[in-house]
Amino acid sequence: MPYFADRVKTTTTTTGTGALTLSASGATGFNAFPSSLNGLTVGYVIESGSAFEIGTGTYTHSSLNLTRTLRSSSTGSLLNLGSGTHTVFLTPAAQDLQIVEVFSGTSDLPSATDYHGRIYHVHGEGAMYFAHAGNWVKLANSSDITSGVTVHSNQSAMLTDAASASEGSLHYDTGANKLYVKSSSGFFLLATITNATPVISSFSEATGGASANNLSSGGTFTLTAGSNTVITVNATDANLDTLSFSATVTSGTASDVFSSPSFPVSNQSGNTFTLTPASSGGGTVAIRFDVSDGTNIANVTHSFTISFVSSFDIVNASYMSKSFSVSGQESSPKGVDISADGTKMIIAGNTSDDVHYYTLSTAFDVSTASHSSGGDLSPSGSTPVITGCCYSSSGHMVFTTANGTGKVQSWTLSTNYDTSTASSSYTSSTVGSLSSNVIQNPFEVQFKTDGTKMFILDRNAAKVGEFALSTAFDVSTASYTRAYSPTQGGGFETMDFSDDGTKMFVHGYSDSTIYQYNLASAWDLSNVSYASKSFTLNTSDFGTYIQGMCFGDSGKKLYAVGESNDTVYQFSTST
């Protein structure tokens, strides 16, 4: 096959039928004959008016000379070029574009040196030839090649064929999966062919409590509600078989732990399992993960556990034997609140008319509290008695109730929860004037999480008042909405809400009992009902009077402050 180059087109003024002398320049928009074709046979076309010649020739670059060997032409012979300019360009002929060129016999094959790497069909021999190292090498037909291994259904069949078996031939007994070699004295066992069992190389999870690549059987994964756990089972097979993956529950009830997938999961091609934890229920389930090559199976078993901790459930409240005395700062504490992260606490007291500031070295553990010097807040100008206190949801503000003036006061903190960074002056709102004296004597104040509602507990009126704030947490923008009268207990001094605003807790001063109320609409006192849930604090253990309380740790803990023994007590509300 001739050689070619891209976009080669030039001219010649050669006359007659002999070799061409080419122009050194290419035609407009084309290339001249390149030096890379020097000494090679190329395919060319000559055009002279309407006449043409297709052929092959050897190109000599130093002289721009091209010999001419005819393949076809408009005249049936080499063109006899007349005077004038003729066009010459490189292009393959139809025969050059055949995938495999056919020759009648080996004597018809072109030079193997010139056509190195080409493959041609020699029809007379029914064979293919490959040009290499100056020789045409005959390629073998499939009929010339045997498998090299004789297959037998069993050993008896192999022995039956022993006489005809050639020396050194290989024989395979499919019944026993054994490979033999024939010798003059019989068959010798080379190998027993086995199907290797898959190997689980790693077992990991994208989320949860267990470490990656945990392969120990019985390993336990602690799931997180609302977050999928993706299990990846990596496995290899020495036979390079296609592997399938399955998951089967071996103990427990899958629906108690997972909302999806449905078990068993059978013969999936992918090695990942996306497990969606249940939203309720809870328990432990063991799952066996199988890897199969179609014959052999490898597996590993793991346990998955999920539990749901109740919060804001006073029915389950129990004393945790943790407490902290504030007697060094206050002899008559009235209110308590805990920061969202459980490391800060404030106490309101009416003896010193201060808000006292404490830090907890262990979050939500009141027994680790210590008084922070310089963090006490003394509301200038307010009239004793301070009866309650609370933080804003983010801790950027602190609020107090002052029964003597009927006011709610607020201070801005430059450092969240740190009362030592409180602004020098406070903002106040007189609730009596806002509510037409429905609410006059505030003993406790709480806020909707976003600060757009304020709730005031009035002990004297035995009511909880709801106020709307046009500017979040700005008590000066409050307007009265409605009030609710708790149906249980009496002498109410303190209250709190669940984080979602659907539960309200009111402490009855007269019977030392905390009562739970349900709100049909979150943070809305228009439809409130007693939940028939309560928790009584033993006054002999926790002081004669409990006058402040709050929840912490997302409602899993309850804190109450006793007025008579000046102590904060910690309770668990979780199951």
Protein backbone atom coordinates (compact mmCIF):
# COMPACT_ATOMS: atom_id res chain seq x y z
CA MET A 1 0.00 0.00 0.00
CA PRO A 2 1.41 3.38 -0.95
CA TYR A 3 2.25 6.10 1.54
CA PHE A 4 0.34 9.37 1.86
CA ALA A 5 0.44 12.76 3.53
CA ASP A 6 -2.35 15.18 4.39
CA ARG A 7 -3.41 18.00 2.00
CA VAL A 8 -0.56 17.56 -0.51
CA LYS A 9 -1.27 19.24 -3.88
CA THR A 10 1.13 20.91 -6.29
CA THR A 11 1.78 21.43 -10.01
CA THR A 12 4.17 20.29 -12.73
CA THR A 13 5.08 21.57 -16.22
CA THR A 14 6.62 18.23 -17.24
CA THR A 15 5.67 16.99 -20.75
CA GLY A 16 5.45 13.46 -22.11
CA THR A 17 4.99 10.16 -20.21
CA GLY A 18 8.17 10.15 -18.12
CA ALA A 19 8.88 11.03 -14.49
CA LEU A 20 7.53 14.31 -13.16
CA THR A 21 9.46 17.29 -11.88
CA LEU A 22 7.22 18.87 -9.24
CA SER A 23 6.88 22.44 -8.08
CA ALA A 24 8.51 23.18 -4.74
CA SER A 25 5.37 25.02 -3.64
CA GLY A 26 1.96 23.69 -2.86
CA ALA A 27 -1.16 24.85 -4.63
CA THR A 28 -3.12 27.62 -2.93
CA GLY A 29 -4.34 26.30 0.43
CA PHE A 30 -2.36 23.05 0.16
CA ASN A 31 1.05 21.63 1.04
CA ALA A 32 3.95 20.74 -1.28
CA PHE A 33 5.35 17.19 -1.28
CA PRO A 34 7.10 16.80 2.10
CA SER A 35 10.62 15.50 2.72
CA SER A 36 9.13 12.73 4.93
CA LEU A 37 8.06 10.91 1.74
CA ASN A 38 11.58 10.80 0.31
CA GLY A 39 12.36 7.38 -1.18
CA LEU A 40 8.83 6.05 -0.51
CA THR A 41 6.19 4.82 -2.92
CA VAL A 42 3.20 7.16 -2.89
CA GLY A 43 -0.23 7.16 -4.50
CA TYR A 44 -0.82 10.10 -6.86
CA VAL A 45 -3.31 11.62 -9.28
CA ILE A 46 -2.41 13.79 -12.29
CA GLU A 47 -5.09 16.09 -13.73
CA SER A 48 -4.59 17.77 -17.10
CA GLY A 49 -7.75 19.47 -18.21
CA SER A 50 -10.40 16.75 -18.18
CA ALA A 51 -7.81 13.97 -18.46
CA PHE A 52 -6.53 12.11 -15.36
CA GLU A 53 -3.98 9.50 -14.37
CA ILE A 54 -4.01 7.43 -11.14
CA GLY A 55 -0.83 5.65 -10.20
CA THR A 56 2.03 5.01 -7.81
CA GLY A 57 5.52 6.40 -7.91
CA THR A 58 8.73 6.82 -5.94
CA TYR A 59 9.33 10.34 -4.68
CA THR A 60 12.86 11.86 -4.50
CA HIS A 61 12.77 15.05 -2.48
CA SER A 62 16.18 16.47 -3.45
CA SER A 63 15.18 16.65 -7.12
CA LEU A 64 11.40 16.92 -6.59
CA ASN A 65 11.18 13.87 -8.89
CA LEU A 66 8.20 11.47 -8.97
CA THR A 67 8.26 8.29 -11.03
CA ARG A 68 5.01 7.07 -12.65
CA THR A 69 3.46 3.58 -12.59
CA LEU A 70 -0.05 3.43 -14.03
CA ARG A 71 -3.01 2.10 -12.14
CA SER A 72 -5.70 3.68 -14.32
CA SER A 73 -6.31 6.73 -16.48
CA SER A 74 -8.86 8.43 -18.69
CA THR A 75 -6.91 7.19 -21.76
CA GLY A 76 -6.05 3.71 -20.50
CA SER A 77 -2.33 4.49 -20.49
CA LEU A 78 0.12 6.99 -19.01
CA LEU A 79 -0.95 10.50 -19.95
CA ASN A 80 1.17 12.11 -22.63
CA LEU A 81 1.38 15.51 -20.99
CA GLY A 82 1.47 18.49 -23.27
CA SER A 83 2.85 21.94 -22.56
CA GLY A 84 1.27 23.89 -19.72
CA THR A 85 0.66 23.44 -16.00
CA HIS A 86 -0.76 20.18 -14.67
CA THR A 87 -2.08 19.39 -11.17
CA VAL A 88 -0.55 16.60 -9.07
CA PHE A 89 -1.87 15.50 -5.63
CA LEU A 90 -1.63 12.56 -3.24
CA THR A 91 -4.66 10.33 -2.62
CA PRO A 92 -5.34 6.64 -2.06
CA ALA A 93 -6.93 4.57 -4.79
CA ALA A 94 -9.91 2.37 -4.10
CA GLN A 95 -7.71 -0.70 -3.80
CA ASP A 96 -5.63 1.04 -1.13
CA LEU A 97 -8.69 1.39 1.05
CA GLN A 98 -9.52 -2.29 1.18
CA ILE A 99 -9.23 -3.55 4.76
CA VAL A 100 -7.49 -6.68 3.54
CA GLU A 101 -6.00 -6.84 0.08
CA VAL A 102 -6.27 -10.17 -1.75
CA PHE A 103 -3.49 -11.81 -3.80
CA SER A 104 -3.74 -15.03 -5.82
CA GLY A 105 -0.49 -16.54 -4.57
CA THR A 106 2.55 -15.76 -2.44
CA SER A 107 4.52 -14.76 -5.54
CA ASP A 108 2.08 -11.89 -6.05
CA LEU A 109 2.75 -10.37 -2.62
CA PRO A 110 4.59 -7.02 -2.69
CA SER A 111 7.87 -6.42 -0.95
CA ALA A 112 7.60 -7.33 2.76
CA THR A 113 10.22 -4.67 3.48
CA ASP A 114 8.20 -1.90 1.82
CA TYR A 115 4.96 -3.09 3.36
CA HIS A 116 6.16 -3.85 6.89
CA GLY A 117 3.25 -4.52 9.27
CA ARG A 118 0.67 -5.17 6.51
CA ILE A 119 -1.61 -8.19 6.49
CA TYR A 120 -2.76 -9.68 3.18
CA HIS A 121 -4.91 -12.62 2.18
CA VAL A 122 -3.39 -15.20 -0.22
CA HIS A 123 -6.44 -16.75 -1.82
CA GLY A 124 -4.63 -19.71 -3.37
CA GLU A 125 -3.58 -20.93 0.09
CA GLY A 126 -6.61 -19.77 2.07
CA ALA A 127 -4.27 -18.10 4.52
CA MET A 128 -3.26 -14.73 5.88
CA TYR A 129 0.27 -13.37 5.70
CA PHE A 130 1.94 -10.79 7.94
CA ALA A 131 4.88 -8.66 6.79
CA HIS A 132 7.69 -8.63 9.36
CA ALA A 133 11.49 -8.26 9.19
CA GLY A 134 11.48 -8.41 5.37
CA ASN A 135 9.49 -11.65 5.25
CA TRP A 136 5.88 -12.66 4.78
CA VAL A 137 4.88 -14.80 7.81
CA LYS A 138 1.98 -17.18 7.41
CA LEU A 139 -0.68 -16.94 10.12
CA ALA A 140 -2.20 -20.13 11.52
CA ASN A 141 -5.82 -21.13 10.89
CA SER A 142 -7.99 -22.09 13.87
CA SER A 143 -8.05 -25.65 12.58
CA ASP A 144 -4.30 -25.79 13.03
CA ILE A 145 -4.62 -25.11 16.76
CA THR A 146 -5.89 -27.58 19.37
CA SER A 147 -7.00 -26.69 22.90
CA GLY A 148 -4.09 -28.59 24.36
CA VAL A 149 -6.39 -30.04 27.04
CA THR A 150 -8.60 -33.13 26.58
CA VAL A 151 -11.70 -33.00 28.75
CA HIS A 152 -13.15 -36.15 30.36
CA SER A 153 -16.35 -36.51 32.35
CA ASN A 154 -14.65 -38.72 34.96
CA GLN A 155 -11.47 -40.65 35.66
CA SER A 156 -12.72 -43.84 34.03
CA ALA A 157 -13.33 -42.05 30.75
CA MET A 158 -9.85 -40.54 30.93
CA LEU A 159 -8.25 -43.98 31.43
CA THR A 160 -10.24 -45.39 28.52
CA ASP A 161 -8.58 -42.82 26.27
CA ALA A 162 -5.10 -43.46 27.68
CA ALA A 163 -3.92 -45.55 24.76
CA SER A 164 -4.56 -42.82 22.24
CA ALA A 165 -3.28 -40.01 24.43
CA SER A 166 -0.05 -38.44 23.23
CA GLU A 167 2.99 -38.00 25.44
CA GLY A 168 2.84 -34.75 27.42
CA SER A 169 -0.82 -34.05 26.60
CA LEU A 170 -3.04 -32.47 29.24
CA HIS A 171 -6.26 -34.06 30.49
CA TYR A 172 -9.00 -32.62 32.72
CA ASP A 173 -11.35 -34.73 34.85
CA THR A 174 -14.45 -32.56 35.29
CA GLY A 175 -15.95 -34.94 37.85
CA ALA A 176 -13.08 -34.48 40.29
CA ASN A 177 -11.87 -31.05 39.06
CA LYS A 178 -8.34 -32.46 38.52
CA LEU A 179 -5.77 -31.70 35.80
CA TYR A 180 -3.34 -34.46 34.63
CA VAL A 181 -0.37 -34.78 32.24
CA LYS A 182 0.12 -37.98 30.16
CA SER A 183 3.39 -39.83 30.41
CA SER A 184 4.42 -43.17 29.09
CA SER A 185 3.54 -44.79 32.40
CA GLY A 186 0.19 -43.13 32.92
CA PHE A 187 -1.37 -39.90 34.07
CA PHE A 188 0.25 -37.65 36.66
CA LEU A 189 -1.80 -35.21 38.73
CA LEU A 190 -0.78 -31.61 38.17
CA ALA A 191 -3.41 -29.73 40.19
CA THR A 192 -6.80 -29.88 41.80
CA ILE A 193 -8.93 -27.06 40.43
CA THR A 194 -10.84 -25.26 43.22
CA ASN A 195 -13.34 -22.39 43.21
CA ALA A 196 -11.98 -19.94 45.76
CA THR A 197 -14.37 -18.46 48.34
CA PRO A 198 -14.73 -14.66 48.20
CA VAL A 199 -12.82 -12.73 50.84
CA ILE A 200 -14.38 -9.73 52.62
CA SER A 201 -11.51 -7.26 52.78
CA SER A 202 -13.22 -4.38 54.58
CA PHE A 203 -16.55 -3.45 56.13
CA SER A 204 -17.25 0.20 56.79
CA GLU A 205 -20.02 2.71 57.44
CA ALA A 206 -20.40 6.30 56.35
CA THR A 207 -22.21 7.36 59.55
CA GLY A 208 -22.84 5.93 63.00
CA GLY A 209 -20.87 4.82 65.99
CA ALA A 210 -18.61 2.03 64.80
CA SER A 211 -15.21 2.47 63.26
CA ALA A 212 -14.52 1.84 59.59
CA ASN A 213 -13.27 -1.56 58.50
CA ASN A 214 -14.84 -3.20 61.53
CA LEU A 215 -14.90 -6.85 60.54
CA SER A 216 -15.45 -8.48 63.92
CA SER A 217 -18.60 -10.57 64.00
CA GLY A 218 -21.11 -9.11 66.40
CA GLY A 219 -19.79 -5.59 66.16
CA THR A 220 -22.42 -3.04 67.13
CA PHE A 221 -23.33 0.10 65.20
CA THR A 222 -25.26 2.84 66.97
CA LEU A 223 -27.58 4.54 64.53
CA THR A 224 -28.59 8.18 64.45
CA ALA A 225 -32.26 8.96 63.91
CA GLY A 226 -32.85 11.02 60.77
CA SER A 227 -29.46 10.16 59.26
CA ASN A 228 -28.92 7.31 56.80
CA THR A 229 -26.12 4.85 57.46
CA VAL A 230 -24.36 3.61 54.33
CA ILE A 231 -22.69 0.22 54.75
CA THR A 232 -19.97 -0.75 52.26
CA VAL A 233 -18.84 -4.37 51.99
CA ASN A 234 -15.61 -4.66 50.00
CA ALA A 235 -14.73 -8.16 48.80
CA THR A 236 -12.36 -9.90 46.38
CA ASP A 237 -12.44 -13.24 44.58
CA ALA A 238 -9.31 -15.07 43.44
CA ASN A 239 -11.19 -16.59 40.49
CA LEU A 240 -12.32 -13.14 39.32
CA ASP A 241 -15.93 -14.33 39.49
CA THR A 242 -18.75 -11.77 39.46
CA LEU A 243 -19.85 -11.20 43.05
CA SER A 244 -23.34 -10.55 44.41
CA PHE A 245 -24.24 -9.06 47.79
CA SER A 246 -27.12 -9.85 50.15
CA ALA A 247 -28.30 -8.85 53.62
CA THR A 248 -30.41 -10.99 55.94
CA VAL A 249 -31.79 -10.33 59.43
CA THR A 250 -30.63 -13.07 61.81
CA SER A 251 -32.14 -11.74 65.03
CA GLY A 252 -34.44 -8.95 66.13
CA THR A 253 -37.16 -7.16 64.18
CA ALA A 254 -35.87 -5.08 61.28
CA SER A 255 -38.81 -2.64 61.30
CA ASP A 256 -37.99 -1.66 64.92
CA VAL A 257 -34.63 -0.37 63.75
CA PHE A 258 -34.94 0.43 60.02
CA SER A 259 -37.66 2.03 57.93
CA SER A 260 -35.84 0.82 54.79
CA PRO A 261 -34.75 -1.28 53.01
CA SER A 262 -37.04 -4.26 53.22
CA PHE A 263 -35.14 -7.33 54.39
CA PRO A 264 -33.88 -9.65 53.12
CA VAL A 265 -31.93 -7.82 50.42
CA SER A 266 -31.09 -10.46 47.82
CA ASN A 267 -28.32 -10.81 45.24
CA GLN A 268 -27.69 -7.18 44.44
CA SER A 269 -24.74 -6.29 42.21
CA GLY A 270 -23.63 -3.29 44.25
CA ASN A 271 -21.67 -3.63 47.48
CA THR A 272 -23.36 -0.76 49.37
CA PHE A 273 -26.44 -0.89 51.58
CA THR A 274 -28.25 2.33 52.51
CA LEU A 275 -29.98 1.84 55.86
CA THR A 276 -32.60 4.36 56.96
CA PRO A 277 -33.19 4.33 60.74
CA ALA A 278 -36.72 4.09 62.06
CA SER A 279 -38.31 7.25 63.46
CA SER A 280 -39.84 5.45 66.42
CA GLY A 281 -39.70 2.15 68.20
CA GLY A 282 -36.13 1.18 68.84
CA GLY A 283 -34.17 -1.97 69.56
CA THR A 284 -31.32 -4.07 68.25
CA VAL A 285 -31.22 -6.15 65.08
CA ALA A 286 -28.43 -8.40 63.76
CA ILE A 287 -27.80 -8.42 60.01
CA ARG A 288 -25.67 -10.93 58.13
CA PHE A 289 -24.04 -9.55 55.00
CA ASP A 290 -23.32 -12.27 52.40
CA VAL A 291 -20.93 -12.12 49.43
CA SER A 292 -21.42 -14.88 46.83
CA ASP A 293 -19.54 -15.91 43.68
CA GLY A 294 -22.45 -18.14 42.67
CA THR A 295 -21.05 -21.16 44.49
CA ASN A 296 -19.25 -20.09 47.63
CA ILE A 297 -20.37 -17.52 50.20
CA ALA A 298 -18.46 -15.33 52.65
CA ASN A 299 -20.30 -13.36 55.31
CA VAL A 300 -19.98 -11.08 58.31
CA THR A 301 -22.65 -10.30 60.92
CA HIS A 302 -23.14 -7.00 62.72
CA SER A 303 -25.67 -5.62 65.18
CA PHE A 304 -27.43 -2.29 64.75
CA THR A 305 -29.01 -0.45 67.67
CA ILE A 306 -31.26 2.58 67.83
CA SER A 307 -33.01 4.04 70.86
CA PHE A 308 -35.26 7.03 71.33
CA VAL A 309 -34.73 9.14 74.43
CA SER A 310 -37.75 10.94 75.75
CA SER A 311 -37.43 14.60 76.72
CA PHE A 312 -39.59 17.14 78.50
CA ASP A 313 -41.35 14.20 80.19
CA ILE A 314 -41.80 15.01 83.86
CA VAL A 315 -43.56 11.69 84.51
CA ASN A 316 -40.14 10.08 84.22
CA ALA A 317 -38.34 12.71 86.32
CA SER A 318 -35.95 11.40 88.95
CA TYR A 319 -33.41 13.06 91.18
CA MET A 320 -29.83 12.52 89.91
CA SER A 321 -28.20 13.14 93.32
CA LYS A 322 -26.58 16.26 91.89
CA SER A 323 -26.97 19.68 93.45
CA PHE A 324 -25.18 22.97 94.02
CA SER A 325 -25.51 25.49 96.87
CA VAL A 326 -25.72 29.17 95.99
CA SER A 327 -25.80 30.28 99.60
CA GLY A 328 -22.48 32.04 99.17
CA GLN A 329 -24.18 34.49 96.82
CA GLU A 330 -27.89 34.36 97.59
CA SER A 331 -30.00 33.47 100.60
CA SER A 332 -33.33 33.47 98.81
CA PRO A 333 -33.00 32.34 95.14
CA LYS A 334 -36.05 32.79 92.97
CA GLY A 335 -35.13 31.74 89.43
CA VAL A 336 -32.68 29.62 87.44
CA ASP A 337 -31.71 29.15 83.79
CA ILE A 338 -29.10 27.06 81.91
CA SER A 339 -27.30 27.97 78.67
CA ALA A 340 -27.98 25.94 75.55
CA ASP A 341 -24.58 24.25 75.77
CA GLY A 342 -24.97 23.54 79.48
CA THR A 343 -21.81 25.38 80.59
CA LYS A 344 -23.40 28.58 81.97
CA MET A 345 -26.07 29.14 84.66
CA ILE A 346 -27.77 32.17 86.17
CA ILE A 347 -29.62 32.44 89.47
CA ALA A 348 -32.03 35.26 90.35
CA GLY A 349 -32.31 36.24 94.00
CA ASN A 350 -34.52 38.74 95.71
CA THR A 351 -32.39 39.19 98.81
CA SER A 352 -29.51 40.81 96.98
CA ASP A 353 -31.67 41.75 94.00
CA ASP A 354 -28.98 40.27 91.73
CA VAL A 355 -28.59 37.86 88.87
CA HIS A 356 -25.69 35.59 89.77
CA TYR A 357 -23.51 33.99 87.12
CA TYR A 358 -21.94 30.48 87.26
CA THR A 359 -19.90 28.25 84.97
CA LEU A 360 -20.24 24.45 84.81
CA SER A 361 -16.99 22.54 84.12
CA THR A 362 -19.06 19.56 82.93
CA ALA A 363 -21.96 20.53 80.67
CA PHE A 364 -25.38 20.19 82.29
CA ASP A 365 -23.87 18.87 85.53
CA VAL A 366 -24.90 21.37 88.19
CA SER A 367 -22.63 19.76 90.77
CA THR A 368 -19.63 21.11 88.79
CA ALA A 369 -20.81 24.74 89.00
CA SER A 370 -18.64 27.54 90.31
CA HIS A 371 -19.46 31.19 90.87
CA SER A 372 -17.87 33.52 88.32
CA SER A 373 -16.55 36.68 89.87
CA GLY A 374 -17.65 39.80 88.06
CA GLY A 375 -20.53 38.09 86.33
CA ASP A 376 -23.29 39.13 88.72
CA LEU A 377 -25.86 41.51 87.33
CA SER A 378 -27.35 44.14 89.64
CA PRO A 379 -30.32 45.78 87.92
CA SER A 380 -29.89 49.44 88.71
CA GLY A 381 -33.10 51.20 89.49
CA SER A 382 -35.27 48.11 89.75
CA THR A 383 -37.22 47.63 92.89
CA PRO A 384 -36.88 44.35 94.74
CA VAL A 385 -38.08 41.74 94.50
CA ILE A 386 -36.45 40.02 91.44
CA THR A 387 -38.54 36.88 91.02
CA GLY A 388 -37.30 35.18 87.86
CA CYS A 389 -34.68 35.16 85.12
CA CYS A 390 -33.99 33.61 81.75
CA TYR A 391 -31.66 33.76 78.75
CA SER A 392 -32.74 34.41 75.18
CA SER A 393 -32.51 31.29 72.99
CA SER A 394 -29.11 32.32 71.62
CA GLY A 395 -27.86 33.72 74.92
CA HIS A 396 -27.32 37.25 73.63
CA MET A 397 -29.79 38.69 76.18
CA VAL A 398 -30.82 38.07 79.76
CA PHE A 399 -34.25 38.93 81.24
CA THR A 400 -35.61 39.36 84.77
CA THR A 401 -39.02 39.85 86.29
CA ALA A 402 -39.46 42.39 89.11
CA ASN A 403 -42.63 41.89 91.09
CA GLY A 404 -42.34 45.16 92.94
CA THR A 405 -42.64 47.25 89.79
CA GLY A 406 -44.54 44.79 87.57
CA LYS A 407 -41.74 45.06 85.00
CA VAL A 408 -39.78 42.82 82.72
CA GLN A 409 -36.20 44.03 82.27
CA SER A 410 -33.65 43.00 79.62
CA TRP A 411 -29.91 43.41 79.16
CA THR A 412 -27.86 42.78 76.03
CA LEU A 413 -24.73 40.62 76.45
CA SER A 414 -21.75 41.23 74.18
CA THR A 415 -20.64 37.64 74.87
CA ASN A 416 -23.46 35.12 74.77
CA TYR A 417 -24.56 33.85 78.20
CA ASP A 418 -21.84 35.86 80.00
CA THR A 419 -23.58 38.35 82.27
CA SER A 420 -20.30 40.11 83.02
CA THR A 421 -20.61 41.56 79.48
CA ALA A 422 -24.10 42.99 80.05
CA SER A 423 -24.99 46.46 78.80
CA SER A 424 -24.86 49.22 81.41
CA SER A 425 -28.58 49.95 81.18
CA TYR A 426 -31.65 47.82 80.80
CA THR A 427 -34.81 47.94 78.68
CA SER A 428 -38.08 47.40 80.51
CA SER A 429 -41.75 46.97 79.95
CA THR A 430 -44.53 47.38 82.53
CA VAL A 431 -46.81 44.43 81.80
CA GLY A 432 -49.81 45.74 83.77
CA SER A 433 -50.31 48.69 81.46
CA LEU A 434 -50.00 46.41 78.44
CA SER A 435 -52.63 43.94 79.60
CA SER A 436 -55.10 46.29 81.31
CA ASN A 437 -53.84 44.83 84.59
CA VAL A 438 -54.79 41.26 83.64
CA ILE A 439 -51.10 40.51 84.26
CA GLN A 440 -49.63 42.82 86.95
CA ASN A 441 -47.14 40.95 89.10
CA PRO A 442 -44.66 39.01 86.97
CA PHE A 443 -42.92 36.14 88.75
CA GLU A 444 -41.41 34.45 85.71
CA VAL A 445 -40.75 35.27 82.04
CA GLN A 446 -40.14 32.97 79.05
CA PHE A 447 -39.86 33.58 75.29
CA LYS A 448 -40.70 31.81 72.08
CA THR A 449 -37.49 30.52 70.53
CA ASP A 450 -37.45 33.21 67.84
CA GLY A 451 -38.23 36.00 70.33
CA THR A 452 -41.54 37.08 68.77
CA LYS A 453 -43.62 36.08 71.81
CA MET A 454 -43.19 36.65 75.55
CA PHE A 455 -44.97 34.74 78.32
CA ILE A 456 -45.43 36.15 81.85
CA LEU A 457 -46.46 34.12 84.90
CA ASP A 458 -48.46 36.20 87.44
CA ARG A 459 -48.68 34.40 90.81
CA ASN A 460 -51.25 36.78 92.26
CA ALA A 461 -53.58 36.54 89.25
CA ALA A 462 -52.82 32.79 88.80
CA LYS A 463 -52.46 33.37 85.06
CA VAL A 464 -49.94 33.02 82.26
CA GLY A 465 -50.03 35.98 79.90
CA GLU A 466 -49.10 35.84 76.20
CA PHE A 467 -47.57 38.95 74.59
CA ALA A 468 -46.53 39.59 70.98
CA LEU A 469 -43.22 41.37 70.30
CA SER A 470 -43.01 43.32 67.05
CA THR A 471 -39.21 43.27 67.40
CA ALA A 472 -37.75 39.96 68.54
CA PHE A 473 -36.72 39.94 72.23
CA ASP A 474 -37.40 43.67 72.55
CA VAL A 475 -39.76 43.86 75.55
CA SER A 476 -40.50 47.51 74.83
CA THR A 477 -42.37 46.39 71.68
CA ALA A 478 -44.66 43.96 73.53
CA SER A 479 -48.45 43.94 73.15
CA TYR A 480 -50.90 41.81 75.13
CA THR A 481 -52.59 38.91 73.30
CA ARG A 482 -54.33 36.65 75.83
CA ALA A 483 -54.02 34.89 79.19
CA TYR A 484 -54.49 31.35 80.43
CA SER A 485 -55.37 30.18 83.96
CA PRO A 486 -53.73 26.84 84.88
CA THR A 487 -56.25 24.34 86.22
CA GLN A 488 -53.95 22.45 88.57
CA GLY A 489 -52.21 23.52 91.78
CA GLY A 490 -51.96 27.08 92.93
CA GLY A 491 -49.63 29.85 93.99
CA PHE A 492 -47.68 29.61 90.71
CA GLU A 493 -44.16 31.00 90.86
CA THR A 494 -42.23 29.55 87.93
CA MET A 495 -42.77 28.03 84.48
CA ASP A 496 -40.99 26.80 81.35
CA PHE A 497 -41.78 25.58 77.82
CA SER A 498 -40.54 22.72 75.67
CA ASP A 499 -38.19 23.72 72.86
CA ASP A 500 -40.93 23.26 70.25
CA GLY A 501 -43.50 25.27 72.22
CA THR A 502 -46.08 22.47 72.41
CA LYS A 503 -45.67 21.84 76.16
CA MET A 504 -45.93 24.27 79.07
CA PHE A 505 -44.82 23.45 82.60
CA VAL A 506 -46.09 25.37 85.61
CA HIS A 507 -44.90 24.86 89.19
CA GLY A 508 -47.50 25.04 91.95
CA TYR A 509 -46.06 26.81 95.00
CA SER A 510 -48.77 25.44 97.27
CA ASP A 511 -48.14 21.73 96.58
CA SER A 512 -44.52 21.75 95.20
CA THR A 513 -45.73 20.04 92.03
CA ILE A 514 -44.83 20.69 88.40
CA TYR A 515 -47.79 20.29 86.02
CA GLN A 516 -47.59 19.72 82.29
CA TYR A 517 -49.98 21.37 79.83
CA ASN A 518 -50.30 20.73 76.10
CA LEU A 519 -50.66 23.55 73.55
CA ALA A 520 -52.73 22.60 70.50
CA SER A 521 -50.74 25.16 68.49
CA ALA A 522 -47.11 25.82 69.37
CA TRP A 523 -46.54 28.96 71.47
CA ASP A 524 -50.27 29.75 71.45
CA LEU A 525 -52.30 29.91 74.69
CA SER A 526 -55.65 29.97 72.91
CA ASN A 527 -56.09 26.19 73.23
CA VAL A 528 -54.36 24.73 76.28
CA SER A 529 -55.22 21.48 78.07
CA TYR A 530 -53.86 19.71 81.12
CA ALA A 531 -51.80 16.68 80.02
CA SER A 532 -52.54 14.72 83.22
CA LYS A 533 -48.80 14.59 83.88
CA SER A 534 -47.10 15.96 86.96
CA PHE A 535 -44.04 15.61 89.16
CA THR A 536 -44.00 16.41 92.89
CA LEU A 537 -40.76 17.50 94.48
CA ASN A 538 -40.33 16.17 98.01
CA THR A 539 -39.98 19.34 100.05
CA SER A 540 -38.10 17.55 102.83
CA ASP A 541 -35.42 16.66 100.29
CA PHE A 542 -35.41 19.74 98.09
CA GLY A 543 -36.29 22.60 100.40
CA THR A 544 -39.51 23.97 101.76
CA TYR A 545 -40.22 25.97 98.60
CA ILE A 546 -39.19 25.45 95.00
CA GLN A 547 -39.40 28.85 93.35
CA GLY A 548 -37.44 28.48 90.13
CA MET A 549 -37.07 25.79 87.48
CA CYS A 550 -35.85 25.27 83.94
CA PHE A 551 -35.13 22.46 81.50
CA GLY A 552 -31.75 21.80 79.90
CA ASP A 553 -29.96 19.38 77.57
CA SER A 554 -32.87 19.48 75.07
CA GLY A 555 -35.37 18.66 77.79
CA LYS A 556 -33.57 15.61 79.15
CA LYS A 557 -32.71 17.38 82.41
CA LEU A 558 -34.70 19.51 84.86
CA TYR A 559 -33.25 22.03 87.31
CA ALA A 560 -35.10 23.39 90.37
CA VAL A 561 -33.90 25.90 92.93
CA GLY A 562 -35.05 25.74 96.57
CA GLU A 563 -35.64 29.04 98.30
CA SER A 564 -35.17 27.85 101.88
CA ASN A 565 -31.95 25.86 101.50
CA ASP A 566 -30.51 27.98 98.67
CA THR A 567 -29.69 24.98 96.48
CA VAL A 568 -30.12 24.05 92.81
CA TYR A 569 -31.17 20.41 92.26
CA GLN A 570 -30.77 18.38 89.06
CA PHE A 571 -33.25 15.79 87.76
CA SER A 572 -33.33 13.46 84.77
CA THR A 573 -36.47 13.38 82.59
CA SER A 574 -35.22 10.71 80.14
CA THR A 575 -36.09 7.05 79.86
